[in-house]
PDB file of N, CA and C in Angstrom:
ATOM      1  N   UNK A   1     -83.920 230.669-228.169  1.00  0.00           N
ATOM      2  CA  UNK A   1     -83.591 229.842-229.302  1.00  0.00           C
ATOM      3  C   UNK A   1     -84.560 230.140-230.432  1.00  0.00           C
ATOM      4  N   UNK A   2     -84.038 230.437-231.598  1.00  0.00           N
ATOM      5  CA  UNK A   2     -84.874 230.737-232.759  1.00  0.00           C
ATOM      6  C   UNK A   2     -85.457 229.444-233.309  1.00  0.00           C
ATOM      7  N   UNK A   3     -86.739 229.446-233.555  1.00  0.00           N
ATOM      8  CA  UNK A   3     -87.375 228.225-234.059  1.00  0.00           C
ATOM      9  C   UNK A   3     -88.341 228.522-235.195  1.00  0.00           C
ATOM     10  N   UNK A   4     -88.052 229.492-236.003  1.00  0.00           N
ATOM     11  CA  UNK A   4     -88.930 229.791-237.131  1.00  0.00           C
ATOM     12  C   UNK A   4     -90.220 230.431-236.682  1.00  0.00           C
ATOM     13  N   UNK A   5     -91.329 229.850-237.106  1.00  0.00           N
ATOM     14  CA  UNK A   5     -92.630 230.442-236.832  1.00  0.00           C
ATOM     15  C   UNK A   5     -93.222 230.049-235.495  1.00  0.00           C
ATOM     16  N   UNK A   6     -92.644 229.083-234.829  1.00  0.00           N
ATOM     17  CA  UNK A   6     -93.189 228.635-233.551  1.00  0.00           C
ATOM     18  C   UNK A   6     -92.969 229.686-232.472  1.00  0.00           C
ATOM     19  N   UNK A   7     -93.952 229.885-231.660  1.00  0.00           N
ATOM     20  CA  UNK A   7     -93.822 230.850-230.571  1.00  0.00           C
ATOM     21  C   UNK A   7     -93.100 230.220-229.388  1.00  0.00           C
ATOM     22  N   UNK A   8     -92.620 231.034-228.489  1.00  0.00           N
ATOM     23  CA  UNK A   8     -91.934 230.535-227.307  1.00  0.00           C
ATOM     24  C   UNK A   8     -92.874 229.635-226.503  1.00  0.00           C
ATOM     25  N   UNK A   9     -92.355 228.509-226.072  1.00  0.00           N
ATOM     26  CA  UNK A   9     -93.154 227.588-225.275  1.00  0.00           C
ATOM     27  C   UNK A   9     -94.076 226.703-226.082  1.00  0.00           C
ATOM     28  N   UNK A  10     -93.943 226.677-227.410  1.00  0.00           N
ATOM     29  CA  UNK A  10     -94.848 225.892-228.247  1.00  0.00           C
ATOM     30  C   UNK A  10     -94.738 224.400-227.956  1.00  0.00           C
ATOM     31  N   UNK A  11     -93.531 223.923-227.703  1.00  0.00           N
ATOM     32  CA  UNK A  11     -93.349 222.494-227.411  1.00  0.00           C
ATOM     33  C   UNK A  11     -94.057 222.144-226.106  1.00  0.00           C
ATOM     34  N   UNK A  12     -93.891 222.978-225.096  1.00  0.00           N
ATOM     35  CA  UNK A  12     -94.559 222.715-223.818  1.00  0.00           C
ATOM     36  C   UNK A  12     -96.076 222.786-223.986  1.00  0.00           C
ATOM     37  N   UNK A  13     -96.554 223.698-224.820  1.00  0.00           N
ATOM     38  CA  UNK A  13     -97.994 223.782-225.084  1.00  0.00           C
ATOM     39  C   UNK A  13     -98.509 222.483-225.706  1.00  0.00           C
ATOM     40  N   UNK A  14     -97.738 221.892-226.623  1.00  0.00           N
ATOM     41  CA  UNK A  14     -98.133 220.625-227.231  1.00  0.00           C
ATOM     42  C   UNK A  14     -98.173 219.512-226.191  1.00  0.00           C
ATOM     43  N   UNK A  15     -97.168 219.474-225.336  1.00  0.00           N
ATOM     44  CA  UNK A  15     -97.120 218.463-224.284  1.00  0.00           C
ATOM     45  C   UNK A  15     -98.311 218.617-223.350  1.00  0.00           C
ATOM     46  N   UNK A  16     -98.564 219.846-222.920  1.00  0.00           N
ATOM     47  CA  UNK A  16     -99.699 220.108-222.026  1.00  0.00           C
ATOM     48  C   UNK A  16    -101.025 219.700-222.676  1.00  0.00           C
ATOM     49  N   UNK A  17    -101.173 220.002-223.946  1.00  0.00           N
ATOM     50  CA  UNK A  17    -102.404 219.664-224.653  1.00  0.00           C
ATOM     51  C   UNK A  17    -102.593 218.152-224.740  1.00  0.00           C
ATOM     52  N   UNK A  18    -101.518 217.433-225.018  1.00  0.00           N
ATOM     53  CA  UNK A  18    -101.588 215.979-225.095  1.00  0.00           C
ATOM     54  C   UNK A  18    -101.963 215.379-223.743  1.00  0.00           C
ATOM     55  N   UNK A  19    -101.358 215.879-222.676  1.00  0.00           N
ATOM     56  CA  UNK A  19    -101.658 215.383-221.329  1.00  0.00           C
ATOM     57  C   UNK A  19    -103.103 215.706-220.964  1.00  0.00           C
ATOM     58  N   UNK A  20    -103.543 216.914-221.252  1.00  0.00           N
ATOM     59  CA  UNK A  20    -104.920 217.303-220.933  1.00  0.00           C
ATOM     60  C   UNK A  20    -105.933 216.450-221.690  1.00  0.00           C
ATOM     61  N   UNK A  21    -105.643 216.142-222.961  1.00  0.00           N
ATOM     62  CA  UNK A  21    -106.535 215.276-223.736  1.00  0.00           C
ATOM     63  C   UNK A  21    -106.620 213.892-223.113  1.00  0.00           C
ATOM     64  N   UNK A  22    -105.488 213.351-222.685  1.00  0.00           N
ATOM     65  CA  UNK A  22    -105.469 212.025-222.064  1.00  0.00           C
ATOM     66  C   UNK A  22    -106.241 212.019-220.747  1.00  0.00           C
ATOM     67  N   UNK A  23    -106.091 213.066-219.960  1.00  0.00           N
ATOM     68  CA  UNK A  23    -106.821 213.168-218.692  1.00  0.00           C
ATOM     69  C   UNK A  23    -108.325 213.268-218.957  1.00  0.00           C
ATOM     70  N   UNK A  24    -108.716 214.057-219.950  1.00  0.00           N
ATOM     71  CA  UNK A  24    -110.139 214.176-220.288  1.00  0.00           C
ATOM     72  C   UNK A  24    -110.723 212.835-220.727  1.00  0.00           C
ATOM     73  N   UNK A  25    -109.981 212.088-221.559  1.00  0.00           N
ATOM     74  CA  UNK A  25    -110.453 210.774-221.995  1.00  0.00           C
ATOM     75  C   UNK A  25    -110.592 209.826-220.809  1.00  0.00           C
ATOM     76  N   UNK A  26    -109.639 209.874-219.877  1.00  0.00           N
ATOM     77  CA  UNK A  26    -109.700 209.000-218.698  1.00  0.00           C
ATOM     78  C   UNK A  26    -110.894 209.363-217.822  1.00  0.00           C
ATOM     79  N   UNK A  27    -111.161 210.644-217.665  1.00  0.00           N
ATOM     80  CA  UNK A  27    -112.312 211.069-216.857  1.00  0.00           C
ATOM     81  C   UNK A  27    -113.625 210.635-217.486  1.00  0.00           C
ATOM     82  N   UNK A  28    -113.714 210.710-218.815  1.00  0.00           N
ATOM     83  CA  UNK A  28    -114.927 210.287-219.496  1.00  0.00           C
ATOM     84  C   UNK A  28    -115.140 208.787-219.378  1.00  0.00           C
ATOM     85  N   UNK A  29    -114.024 208.047-219.296  1.00  0.00           N
ATOM     86  CA  UNK A  29    -114.124 206.589-219.197  1.00  0.00           C
ATOM     87  C   UNK A  29    -114.602 206.137-217.820  1.00  0.00           C
ATOM     88  N   UNK A  30    -114.421 206.978-216.810  1.00  0.00           N
ATOM     89  CA  UNK A  30    -114.884 206.626-215.470  1.00  0.00           C
ATOM     90  C   UNK A  30    -116.404 206.574-215.456  1.00  0.00           C
ATOM     91  N   UNK A  31    -116.924 205.557-214.827  1.00  0.00           N
ATOM     92  CA  UNK A  31    -118.367 205.414-214.764  1.00  0.00           C
ATOM     93  C   UNK A  31    -118.995 206.403-213.794  1.00  0.00           C
ATOM     94  N   UNK A  32    -120.234 206.705-214.028  1.00  0.00           N
ATOM     95  CA  UNK A  32    -120.986 207.551-213.114  1.00  0.00           C
ATOM     96  C   UNK A  32    -122.465 207.198-213.272  1.00  0.00           C
ATOM     97  N   UNK A  33    -123.192 207.353-212.219  1.00  0.00           N
ATOM     98  CA  UNK A  33    -124.611 207.048-212.248  1.00  0.00           C
ATOM     99  C   UNK A  33    -124.910 205.587-211.947  1.00  0.00           C
ATOM    100  N   UNK A  34    -126.093 205.171-212.307  1.00  0.00           N
ATOM    101  CA  UNK A  34    -126.582 203.824-212.033  1.00  0.00           C
ATOM    102  C   UNK A  34    -126.105 202.841-213.097  1.00  0.00           C
ATOM    103  N   UNK A  35    -125.666 201.674-212.657  1.00  0.00           N
ATOM    104  CA  UNK A  35    -125.249 200.623-213.591  1.00  0.00           C
ATOM    105  C   UNK A  35    -126.474 199.958-214.206  1.00  0.00           C
ATOM    106  N   UNK A  36    -126.331 199.554-215.457  1.00  0.00           N
ATOM    107  CA  UNK A  36    -127.409 198.844-216.145  1.00  0.00           C
ATOM    108  C   UNK A  36    -127.386 197.368-215.739  1.00  0.00           C
ATOM    109  N   UNK A  37    -128.546 196.747-215.709  1.00  0.00           N
ATOM    110  CA  UNK A  37    -128.616 195.321-215.394  1.00  0.00           C
ATOM    111  C   UNK A  37    -128.353 194.481-216.637  1.00  0.00           C
ATOM    112  N   UNK A  38    -128.626 195.044-217.804  1.00  0.00           N
ATOM    113  CA  UNK A  38    -128.427 194.333-219.060  1.00  0.00           C
ATOM    114  C   UNK A  38    -127.551 195.183-219.981  1.00  0.00           C
ATOM    115  N   UNK A  39    -126.703 194.516-220.737  1.00  0.00           N
ATOM    116  CA  UNK A  39    -125.775 195.188-221.650  1.00  0.00           C
ATOM    117  C   UNK A  39    -126.548 195.971-222.706  1.00  0.00           C
ATOM    118  N   UNK A  40    -126.156 197.217-222.945  1.00  0.00           N
ATOM    119  CA  UNK A  40    -126.821 198.056-223.943  1.00  0.00           C
ATOM    120  C   UNK A  40    -126.512 197.608-225.364  1.00  0.00           C
ATOM    121  N   UNK A  41    -125.461 196.825-225.540  1.00  0.00           N
ATOM    122  CA  UNK A  41    -125.057 196.382-226.875  1.00  0.00           C
ATOM    123  C   UNK A  41    -125.705 195.045-227.249  1.00  0.00           C
ATOM    124  N   UNK A  42    -125.541 194.033-226.396  1.00  0.00           N
ATOM    125  CA  UNK A  42    -126.011 192.681-226.748  1.00  0.00           C
ATOM    126  C   UNK A  42    -127.230 192.226-225.950  1.00  0.00           C
ATOM    127  N   UNK A  43    -127.570 192.920-224.866  1.00  0.00           N
ATOM    128  CA  UNK A  43    -128.747 192.569-224.073  1.00  0.00           C
ATOM    129  C   UNK A  43    -128.529 191.495-223.022  1.00  0.00           C
ATOM    130  N   UNK A  44    -127.317 190.976-222.930  1.00  0.00           N
ATOM    131  CA  UNK A  44    -127.021 189.943-221.928  1.00  0.00           C
ATOM    132  C   UNK A  44    -126.982 190.571-220.528  1.00  0.00           C
ATOM    133  N   UNK A  45    -127.305 189.800-219.492  1.00  0.00           N
ATOM    134  CA  UNK A  45    -127.236 190.343-218.126  1.00  0.00           C
ATOM    135  C   UNK A  45    -125.794 190.684-217.742  1.00  0.00           C
ATOM    136  N   UNK A  46    -125.622 191.788-217.049  1.00  0.00           N
ATOM    137  CA  UNK A  46    -124.307 192.188-216.545  1.00  0.00           C
ATOM    138  C   UNK A  46    -124.184 191.617-215.142  1.00  0.00           C
ATOM    139  N   UNK A  47    -123.115 190.843-214.874  1.00  0.00           N
ATOM    140  CA  UNK A  47    -122.971 190.224-213.549  1.00  0.00           C
ATOM    141  C   UNK A  47    -122.967 191.263-212.425  1.00  0.00           C
ATOM    142  N   UNK A  48    -123.554 190.877-211.303  1.00  0.00           N
ATOM    143  CA  UNK A  48    -123.664 191.791-210.160  1.00  0.00           C
ATOM    144  C   UNK A  48    -122.293 192.258-209.682  1.00  0.00           C
ATOM    145  N   UNK A  49    -121.310 191.371-209.709  1.00  0.00           N
ATOM    146  CA  UNK A  49    -119.963 191.745-209.265  1.00  0.00           C
ATOM    147  C   UNK A  49    -119.404 192.873-210.131  1.00  0.00           C
ATOM    148  N   UNK A  50    -119.657 192.828-211.433  1.00  0.00           N
ATOM    149  CA  UNK A  50    -119.190 193.896-212.331  1.00  0.00           C
ATOM    150  C   UNK A  50    -119.925 195.204-212.040  1.00  0.00           C
ATOM    151  N   UNK A  51    -121.225 195.110-211.811  1.00  0.00           N
ATOM    152  CA  UNK A  51    -122.010 196.313-211.521  1.00  0.00           C
ATOM    153  C   UNK A  51    -121.578 196.973-210.218  1.00  0.00           C
ATOM    154  N   UNK A  52    -121.177 196.144-209.231  1.00  0.00           N
ATOM    155  CA  UNK A  52    -120.715 196.701-207.958  1.00  0.00           C
ATOM    156  C   UNK A  52    -119.302 197.277-208.079  1.00  0.00           C
ATOM    157  N   UNK A  53    -118.470 196.633-208.884  1.00  0.00           N
ATOM    158  CA  UNK A  53    -117.073 197.056-209.011  1.00  0.00           C
ATOM    159  C   UNK A  53    -116.930 198.342-209.816  1.00  0.00           C
ATOM    160  N   UNK A  54    -117.772 198.515-210.825  1.00  0.00           N
ATOM    161  CA  UNK A  54    -117.677 199.681-211.709  1.00  0.00           C
ATOM    162  C   UNK A  54    -118.976 200.472-211.667  1.00  0.00           C
ATOM    163  N   UNK A  55    -118.885 201.685-211.179  1.00  0.00           N
ATOM    164  CA  UNK A  55    -120.060 202.562-211.136  1.00  0.00           C
ATOM    165  C   UNK A  55    -120.498 202.921-212.551  1.00  0.00           C
ATOM    166  N   UNK A  56    -121.764 202.839-212.830  1.00  0.00           N
ATOM    167  CA  UNK A  56    -122.310 203.299-214.102  1.00  0.00           C
ATOM    168  C   UNK A  56    -121.997 202.410-215.294  1.00  0.00           C
ATOM    169  N   UNK A  57    -121.643 201.145-215.053  1.00  0.00           N
ATOM    170  CA  UNK A  57    -121.310 200.246-216.161  1.00  0.00           C
ATOM    171  C   UNK A  57    -122.549 200.018-217.033  1.00  0.00           C
ATOM    172  N   UNK A  58    -122.365 200.041-218.349  1.00  0.00           N
ATOM    173  CA  UNK A  58    -123.479 199.897-219.278  1.00  0.00           C
ATOM    174  C   UNK A  58    -123.321 198.710-220.225  1.00  0.00           C
ATOM    175  N   UNK A  59    -122.135 198.081-220.235  1.00  0.00           N
ATOM    176  CA  UNK A  59    -121.847 197.007-221.174  1.00  0.00           C
ATOM    177  C   UNK A  59    -121.250 195.802-220.452  1.00  0.00           C
ATOM    178  N   UNK A  60    -121.470 194.611-221.009  1.00  0.00           N
ATOM    179  CA  UNK A  60    -120.837 193.410-220.483  1.00  0.00           C
ATOM    180  C   UNK A  60    -119.344 193.465-220.822  1.00  0.00           C
ATOM    181  N   UNK A  61    -118.568 192.570-220.247  1.00  0.00           N
ATOM    182  CA  UNK A  61    -117.118 192.581-220.441  1.00  0.00           C
ATOM    183  C   UNK A  61    -116.763 192.441-221.916  1.00  0.00           C
ATOM    184  N   UNK A  62    -117.420 191.536-222.620  1.00  0.00           N
ATOM    185  CA  UNK A  62    -117.109 191.285-224.028  1.00  0.00           C
ATOM    186  C   UNK A  62    -117.375 192.525-224.879  1.00  0.00           C
ATOM    187  N   UNK A  63    -118.542 193.122-224.728  1.00  0.00           N
ATOM    188  CA  UNK A  63    -118.886 194.304-225.522  1.00  0.00           C
ATOM    189  C   UNK A  63    -118.011 195.499-225.147  1.00  0.00           C
ATOM    190  N   UNK A  64    -117.703 195.665-223.850  1.00  0.00           N
ATOM    191  CA  UNK A  64    -116.844 196.768-223.424  1.00  0.00           C
ATOM    192  C   UNK A  64    -115.447 196.622-224.033  1.00  0.00           C
ATOM    193  N   UNK A  65    -114.928 195.391-224.074  1.00  0.00           N
ATOM    194  CA  UNK A  65    -113.609 195.160-224.670  1.00  0.00           C
ATOM    195  C   UNK A  65    -113.615 195.523-226.153  1.00  0.00           C
ATOM    196  N   UNK A  66    -114.685 195.173-226.855  1.00  0.00           N
ATOM    197  CA  UNK A  66    -114.791 195.506-228.279  1.00  0.00           C
ATOM    198  C   UNK A  66    -114.871 197.019-228.478  1.00  0.00           C
ATOM    199  N   UNK A  67    -115.636 197.713-227.638  1.00  0.00           N
ATOM    200  CA  UNK A  67    -115.731 199.172-227.736  1.00  0.00           C
ATOM    201  C   UNK A  67    -114.388 199.838-227.426  1.00  0.00           C
ATOM    202  N   UNK A  68    -113.690 199.333-226.407  1.00  0.00           N
ATOM    203  CA  UNK A  68    -112.383 199.890-226.058  1.00  0.00           C
ATOM    204  C   UNK A  68    -111.401 199.714-227.208  1.00  0.00           C
ATOM    205  N   UNK A  69    -111.427 198.564-227.855  1.00  0.00           N
ATOM    206  CA  UNK A  69    -110.519 198.308-228.976  1.00  0.00           C
ATOM    207  C   UNK A  69    -110.838 199.248-230.131  1.00  0.00           C
ATOM    208  N   UNK A  70    -112.121 199.447-230.401  1.00  0.00           N
ATOM    209  CA  UNK A  70    -112.523 200.344-231.487  1.00  0.00           C
ATOM    210  C   UNK A  70    -112.048 201.774-231.207  1.00  0.00           C
ATOM    211  N   UNK A  71    -112.206 202.243-229.960  1.00  0.00           N
ATOM    212  CA  UNK A  71    -111.751 203.584-229.595  1.00  0.00           C
ATOM    213  C   UNK A  71    -110.248 203.697-229.680  1.00  0.00           C
ATOM    214  N   UNK A  72    -109.543 202.650-229.290  1.00  0.00           N
ATOM    215  CA  UNK A  72    -108.082 202.656-229.320  1.00  0.00           C
ATOM    216  C   UNK A  72    -107.588 202.734-230.761  1.00  0.00           C
ATOM    217  N   UNK A  73    -108.276 202.081-231.679  1.00  0.00           N
ATOM    218  CA  UNK A  73    -107.881 202.111-233.078  1.00  0.00           C
ATOM    219  C   UNK A  73    -108.014 203.505-233.673  1.00  0.00           C
ATOM    220  N   UNK A  74    -108.941 204.307-233.156  1.00  0.00           N
ATOM    221  CA  UNK A  74    -109.173 205.648-233.690  1.00  0.00           C
ATOM    222  C   UNK A  74    -108.445 206.736-232.901  1.00  0.00           C
ATOM    223  N   UNK A  75    -107.708 206.364-231.873  1.00  0.00           N
ATOM    224  CA  UNK A  75    -107.063 207.360-231.017  1.00  0.00           C
ATOM    225  C   UNK A  75    -105.616 207.621-231.425  1.00  0.00           C
ATOM    226  N   UNK A  76    -105.192 207.190-232.589  1.00  0.00           N
ATOM    227  CA  UNK A  76    -103.798 207.295-232.975  1.00  0.00           C
ATOM    228  C   UNK A  76    -103.425 208.591-233.661  1.00  0.00           C
ATOM    229  N   UNK A  77    -103.968 209.705-233.264  1.00  0.00           N
ATOM    230  CA  UNK A  77    -103.640 210.986-233.872  1.00  0.00           C
ATOM    231  C   UNK A  77    -102.244 211.413-233.453  1.00  0.00           C
ATOM    232  N   UNK A  78    -101.399 211.721-234.419  1.00  0.00           N
ATOM    233  CA  UNK A  78    -100.017 212.081-234.144  1.00  0.00           C
ATOM    234  C   UNK A  78     -99.860 213.596-234.165  1.00  0.00           C
ATOM    235  N   UNK A  79     -99.743 214.199-232.988  1.00  0.00           N
ATOM    236  CA  UNK A  79     -99.588 215.652-232.910  1.00  0.00           C
ATOM    237  C   UNK A  79     -98.196 216.108-233.321  1.00  0.00           C
ATOM    238  N   UNK A  80     -97.207 215.221-233.193  1.00  0.00           N
ATOM    239  CA  UNK A  80     -95.839 215.643-233.427  1.00  0.00           C
ATOM    240  C   UNK A  80     -95.288 215.068-234.725  1.00  0.00           C
ATOM    241  N   UNK A  81     -96.137 214.881-235.709  1.00  0.00           N
ATOM    242  CA  UNK A  81     -95.703 214.339-236.981  1.00  0.00           C
ATOM    243  C   UNK A  81     -94.693 215.256-237.658  1.00  0.00           C
ATOM    244  N   UNK A  82     -93.801 214.652-238.411  1.00  0.00           N
ATOM    245  CA  UNK A  82     -92.811 215.452-239.139  1.00  0.00           C
ATOM    246  C   UNK A  82     -93.492 216.218-240.269  1.00  0.00           C
ATOM    247  N   UNK A  83     -92.786 217.202-240.792  1.00  0.00           N
ATOM    248  CA  UNK A  83     -93.336 217.972-241.910  1.00  0.00           C
ATOM    249  C   UNK A  83     -93.601 217.052-243.095  1.00  0.00           C
ATOM    250  N   UNK A  84     -92.724 216.079-243.318  1.00  0.00           N
ATOM    251  CA  UNK A  84     -92.897 215.157-244.440  1.00  0.00           C
ATOM    252  C   UNK A  84     -94.202 214.368-244.298  1.00  0.00           C
ATOM    253  N   UNK A  85     -94.517 213.904-243.085  1.00  0.00           N
ATOM    254  CA  UNK A  85     -95.749 213.123-242.922  1.00  0.00           C
ATOM    255  C   UNK A  85     -96.986 214.007-243.074  1.00  0.00           C
ATOM    256  N   UNK A  86     -96.860 215.292-242.811  1.00  0.00           N
ATOM    257  CA  UNK A  86     -97.992 216.197-242.963  1.00  0.00           C
ATOM    258  C   UNK A  86     -98.253 216.553-244.418  1.00  0.00           C
ATOM    259  N   UNK A  87     -97.234 216.431-245.263  1.00  0.00           N
ATOM    260  CA  UNK A  87     -97.361 216.774-246.660  1.00  0.00           C
ATOM    261  C   UNK A  87     -98.001 215.660-247.499  1.00  0.00           C
ATOM    262  N   UNK A  88     -98.045 214.467-246.961  1.00  0.00           N
ATOM    263  CA  UNK A  88     -98.586 213.329-247.727  1.00  0.00           C
ATOM    264  C   UNK A  88    -100.077 213.405-247.875  1.00  0.00           C
TER     265      UNK A  88
END
């Protein structure tokens, strides 16, 4: 199928790239190492149950929720935008 300048398999390459980016973000979100006893953001103690449940936790629930929301707000990159949206 002729598709102009796009090479064969370009759509699948975009899909693969999007999936790989999502997997990388999920892996980075997984905790590793020693959990902190106090939140790195506000300094409040992190409950023992949270430290046991999540490896490498560094933030209390409130601060982690705020950080997650901030990251979610900046993660809206549209790889499949139309030509019109790219021209704006």
